[in-house]
Amino acid sequence: MSDMPSISPSFLRLKHIIGDGNTPPIIPISKSSWWDGVKKGKYPQPIKIGDNITVWRSDDIQQLVDRMCSGKNAS
């Protein structure tokens, strides 16, 4: 058992959300479709944590999946 506290929510990289061949997707769409949805406000806005590091909050992605599964508009 680890003494490290659990931190929630966590950050997800794009490869964790849409998959990358090694990682199964949470939302199976293309990279260009994802970024178009972000631009249009359909998907959550990213957080830049470094020059080449963009992440999304896991709770934002969970809310998006929940809306998609309930049949409600994803935006």
N, C-alpha and C. Protein backbone atom coordinates (compact mmCIF):
# COMPACT_ATOMS: atom_id res chain seq x y z
N MET A 1 0.85 -1.18 0.00
CA MET A 1 0.00 0.00 0.00
C MET A 1 0.89 1.24 0.00
N SER A 2 0.53 2.21 -0.81
CA SER A 2 1.32 3.43 -0.94
C SER A 2 0.87 4.46 0.08
N ASP A 3 1.85 5.26 0.53
CA ASP A 3 1.53 6.35 1.44
C ASP A 3 1.17 7.63 0.70
N MET A 4 1.24 7.57 -0.65
CA MET A 4 0.92 8.74 -1.46
C MET A 4 -0.59 8.96 -1.47
N PRO A 5 -1.02 10.20 -1.27
CA PRO A 5 -2.47 10.47 -1.32
C PRO A 5 -2.97 10.39 -2.75
N SER A 6 -4.21 9.99 -2.91
CA SER A 6 -4.84 9.95 -4.22
C SER A 6 -5.29 11.37 -4.57
N ILE A 7 -4.99 11.79 -5.80
CA ILE A 7 -5.36 13.12 -6.24
C ILE A 7 -6.44 12.99 -7.31
N SER A 8 -7.54 13.67 -7.10
CA SER A 8 -8.63 13.64 -8.05
C SER A 8 -9.21 15.03 -8.18
N PRO A 9 -9.44 15.56 -9.33
CA PRO A 9 -9.26 14.92 -10.63
C PRO A 9 -7.79 14.89 -11.04
N SER A 10 -7.54 14.14 -12.09
CA SER A 10 -6.19 14.06 -12.65
C SER A 10 -6.19 14.73 -14.01
N PHE A 11 -5.02 14.77 -14.63
CA PHE A 11 -4.90 15.34 -15.97
C PHE A 11 -4.80 14.22 -16.99
N LEU A 12 -5.41 14.43 -18.15
CA LEU A 12 -5.34 13.50 -19.26
C LEU A 12 -4.71 14.19 -20.46
N ARG A 13 -3.77 13.52 -21.10
CA ARG A 13 -3.21 14.00 -22.37
C ARG A 13 -4.16 13.58 -23.48
N LEU A 14 -3.99 14.18 -24.65
CA LEU A 14 -4.87 13.87 -25.78
C LEU A 14 -4.84 12.39 -26.13
N LYS A 15 -3.66 11.75 -26.04
CA LYS A 15 -3.57 10.33 -26.37
C LYS A 15 -4.43 9.47 -25.44
N HIS A 16 -4.67 9.93 -24.21
CA HIS A 16 -5.52 9.20 -23.28
C HIS A 16 -6.99 9.36 -23.64
N ILE A 17 -7.34 10.48 -24.27
CA ILE A 17 -8.73 10.77 -24.60
C ILE A 17 -9.13 10.10 -25.91
N ILE A 18 -8.32 10.30 -26.97
CA ILE A 18 -8.69 9.77 -28.29
C ILE A 18 -7.90 8.53 -28.69
N GLY A 19 -6.99 8.08 -27.84
CA GLY A 19 -6.19 6.91 -28.13
C GLY A 19 -5.02 7.24 -29.05
N ASP A 20 -4.06 6.30 -29.11
CA ASP A 20 -2.89 6.53 -29.97
C ASP A 20 -2.35 5.24 -30.58
N GLY A 21 -3.15 4.22 -30.65
CA GLY A 21 -2.68 2.93 -31.16
C GLY A 21 -2.26 2.00 -30.05
N ASN A 22 -1.63 2.53 -29.01
CA ASN A 22 -1.25 1.73 -27.85
C ASN A 22 -2.23 1.91 -26.70
N THR A 23 -2.86 3.08 -26.65
CA THR A 23 -3.80 3.42 -25.59
C THR A 23 -5.21 3.39 -26.16
N PRO A 24 -6.12 2.60 -25.58
CA PRO A 24 -7.49 2.59 -26.11
C PRO A 24 -8.17 3.94 -25.84
N PRO A 25 -8.98 4.40 -26.78
CA PRO A 25 -9.61 5.72 -26.63
C PRO A 25 -10.76 5.72 -25.62
N ILE A 26 -10.93 6.86 -24.99
CA ILE A 26 -12.13 7.11 -24.19
C ILE A 26 -13.23 7.58 -25.16
N ILE A 27 -12.84 8.47 -26.07
CA ILE A 27 -13.74 8.99 -27.10
C ILE A 27 -13.08 8.70 -28.44
N PRO A 28 -13.61 7.76 -29.21
CA PRO A 28 -12.95 7.31 -30.44
C PRO A 28 -13.21 8.23 -31.64
N ILE A 29 -12.51 9.36 -31.67
CA ILE A 29 -12.59 10.28 -32.80
C ILE A 29 -11.17 10.65 -33.22
N SER A 30 -11.06 11.28 -34.38
CA SER A 30 -9.75 11.68 -34.88
C SER A 30 -9.23 12.91 -34.15
N LYS A 31 -7.94 13.12 -34.25
CA LYS A 31 -7.29 14.27 -33.63
C LYS A 31 -7.87 15.58 -34.19
N SER A 32 -8.05 15.65 -35.51
CA SER A 32 -8.59 16.88 -36.11
C SER A 32 -10.03 17.12 -35.67
N SER A 33 -10.83 16.07 -35.54
CA SER A 33 -12.21 16.23 -35.06
C SER A 33 -12.23 16.70 -33.62
N TRP A 34 -11.30 16.18 -32.81
CA TRP A 34 -11.23 16.62 -31.41
C TRP A 34 -10.93 18.11 -31.33
N TRP A 35 -9.88 18.54 -32.04
CA TRP A 35 -9.49 19.95 -31.97
C TRP A 35 -10.56 20.87 -32.56
N ASP A 36 -11.28 20.40 -33.58
CA ASP A 36 -12.38 21.19 -34.13
C ASP A 36 -13.48 21.34 -33.08
N GLY A 37 -13.78 20.25 -32.36
CA GLY A 37 -14.78 20.30 -31.29
C GLY A 37 -14.37 21.21 -30.15
N VAL A 38 -13.08 21.22 -29.82
CA VAL A 38 -12.57 22.13 -28.78
C VAL A 38 -12.76 23.58 -29.24
N LYS A 39 -12.39 23.84 -30.49
CA LYS A 39 -12.50 25.19 -31.05
C LYS A 39 -13.95 25.68 -31.05
N LYS A 40 -14.88 24.78 -31.35
CA LYS A 40 -16.30 25.14 -31.43
C LYS A 40 -17.00 25.11 -30.08
N GLY A 41 -16.30 24.71 -29.02
CA GLY A 41 -16.90 24.66 -27.69
C GLY A 41 -17.68 23.39 -27.40
N LYS A 42 -17.58 22.40 -28.29
CA LYS A 42 -18.27 21.14 -28.08
C LYS A 42 -17.56 20.29 -27.04
N TYR A 43 -16.24 20.40 -26.98
CA TYR A 43 -15.41 19.65 -26.04
C TYR A 43 -14.71 20.60 -25.09
N PRO A 44 -14.27 20.11 -23.93
CA PRO A 44 -13.66 20.99 -22.92
C PRO A 44 -12.39 21.69 -23.41
N GLN A 45 -12.16 22.86 -22.87
CA GLN A 45 -10.95 23.62 -23.18
C GLN A 45 -9.74 22.97 -22.50
N PRO A 46 -8.61 22.97 -23.18
CA PRO A 46 -7.41 22.37 -22.61
C PRO A 46 -6.71 23.31 -21.62
N ILE A 47 -5.77 22.74 -20.90
CA ILE A 47 -4.90 23.49 -19.98
C ILE A 47 -3.48 23.28 -20.45
N LYS A 48 -2.76 24.37 -20.70
CA LYS A 48 -1.34 24.28 -21.08
C LYS A 48 -0.52 24.27 -19.80
N ILE A 49 0.24 23.19 -19.58
CA ILE A 49 1.09 23.13 -18.38
C ILE A 49 2.57 23.19 -18.73
N GLY A 50 2.86 23.33 -20.01
CA GLY A 50 4.25 23.44 -20.47
C GLY A 50 4.25 23.83 -21.93
N ASP A 51 5.45 24.09 -22.46
CA ASP A 51 5.56 24.50 -23.86
C ASP A 51 4.92 23.49 -24.81
N ASN A 52 5.12 22.23 -24.58
CA ASN A 52 4.59 21.18 -25.44
C ASN A 52 3.69 20.22 -24.69
N ILE A 53 3.07 20.70 -23.63
CA ILE A 53 2.23 19.81 -22.82
C ILE A 53 0.85 20.43 -22.65
N THR A 54 -0.13 19.76 -23.24
CA THR A 54 -1.53 20.19 -23.15
C THR A 54 -2.30 19.06 -22.49
N VAL A 55 -3.15 19.40 -21.52
CA VAL A 55 -3.90 18.40 -20.78
C VAL A 55 -5.35 18.85 -20.61
N TRP A 56 -6.18 17.89 -20.22
CA TRP A 56 -7.57 18.17 -19.87
C TRP A 56 -7.83 17.57 -18.50
N ARG A 57 -8.71 18.20 -17.74
CA ARG A 57 -9.09 17.66 -16.44
C ARG A 57 -9.93 16.41 -16.65
N SER A 58 -9.61 15.36 -15.90
CA SER A 58 -10.34 14.10 -16.05
C SER A 58 -11.82 14.25 -15.72
N ASP A 59 -12.15 15.13 -14.78
CA ASP A 59 -13.58 15.31 -14.45
C ASP A 59 -14.33 16.00 -15.59
N ASP A 60 -13.66 16.89 -16.34
CA ASP A 60 -14.30 17.50 -17.51
C ASP A 60 -14.58 16.46 -18.58
N ILE A 61 -13.63 15.54 -18.78
CA ILE A 61 -13.81 14.48 -19.78
C ILE A 61 -14.90 13.53 -19.32
N GLN A 62 -14.95 13.21 -18.03
CA GLN A 62 -16.01 12.32 -17.52
C GLN A 62 -17.38 12.95 -17.72
N GLN A 63 -17.50 14.26 -17.46
CA GLN A 63 -18.77 14.95 -17.68
C GLN A 63 -19.18 14.91 -19.15
N LEU A 64 -18.20 15.08 -20.05
CA LEU A 64 -18.47 15.00 -21.48
C LEU A 64 -18.99 13.61 -21.85
N VAL A 65 -18.33 12.56 -21.38
CA VAL A 65 -18.75 11.19 -21.67
C VAL A 65 -20.15 10.95 -21.10
N ASP A 66 -20.40 11.42 -19.90
CA ASP A 66 -21.73 11.24 -19.28
C ASP A 66 -22.82 11.90 -20.12
N ARG A 67 -22.54 13.11 -20.62
CA ARG A 67 -23.52 13.80 -21.48
C ARG A 67 -23.72 13.04 -22.79
N MET A 68 -22.64 12.55 -23.38
CA MET A 68 -22.74 11.78 -24.62
C MET A 68 -23.57 10.51 -24.41
N CYS A 69 -23.34 9.83 -23.30
CA CYS A 69 -24.07 8.58 -23.01
C CYS A 69 -25.53 8.81 -22.69
N SER A 70 -25.85 9.98 -22.16
CA SER A 70 -27.24 10.28 -21.81
C SER A 70 -28.03 10.78 -23.01
N GLY A 71 -27.33 10.98 -24.14
CA GLY A 71 -28.01 11.45 -25.34
C GLY A 71 -28.17 12.94 -25.41
N LYS A 72 -27.62 13.64 -24.42
CA LYS A 72 -27.70 15.10 -24.43
C LYS A 72 -26.59 15.65 -25.30
N ASN A 73 -26.77 16.89 -25.75
CA ASN A 73 -25.76 17.56 -26.56
C ASN A 73 -24.46 17.60 -25.79
N ALA A 74 -23.35 17.32 -26.45
CA ALA A 74 -22.03 17.27 -25.80
C ALA A 74 -21.52 18.64 -25.40
N SER A 75 -22.10 19.70 -25.90
CA SER A 75 -21.59 21.04 -25.55
C SER A 75 -22.21 21.56 -24.29
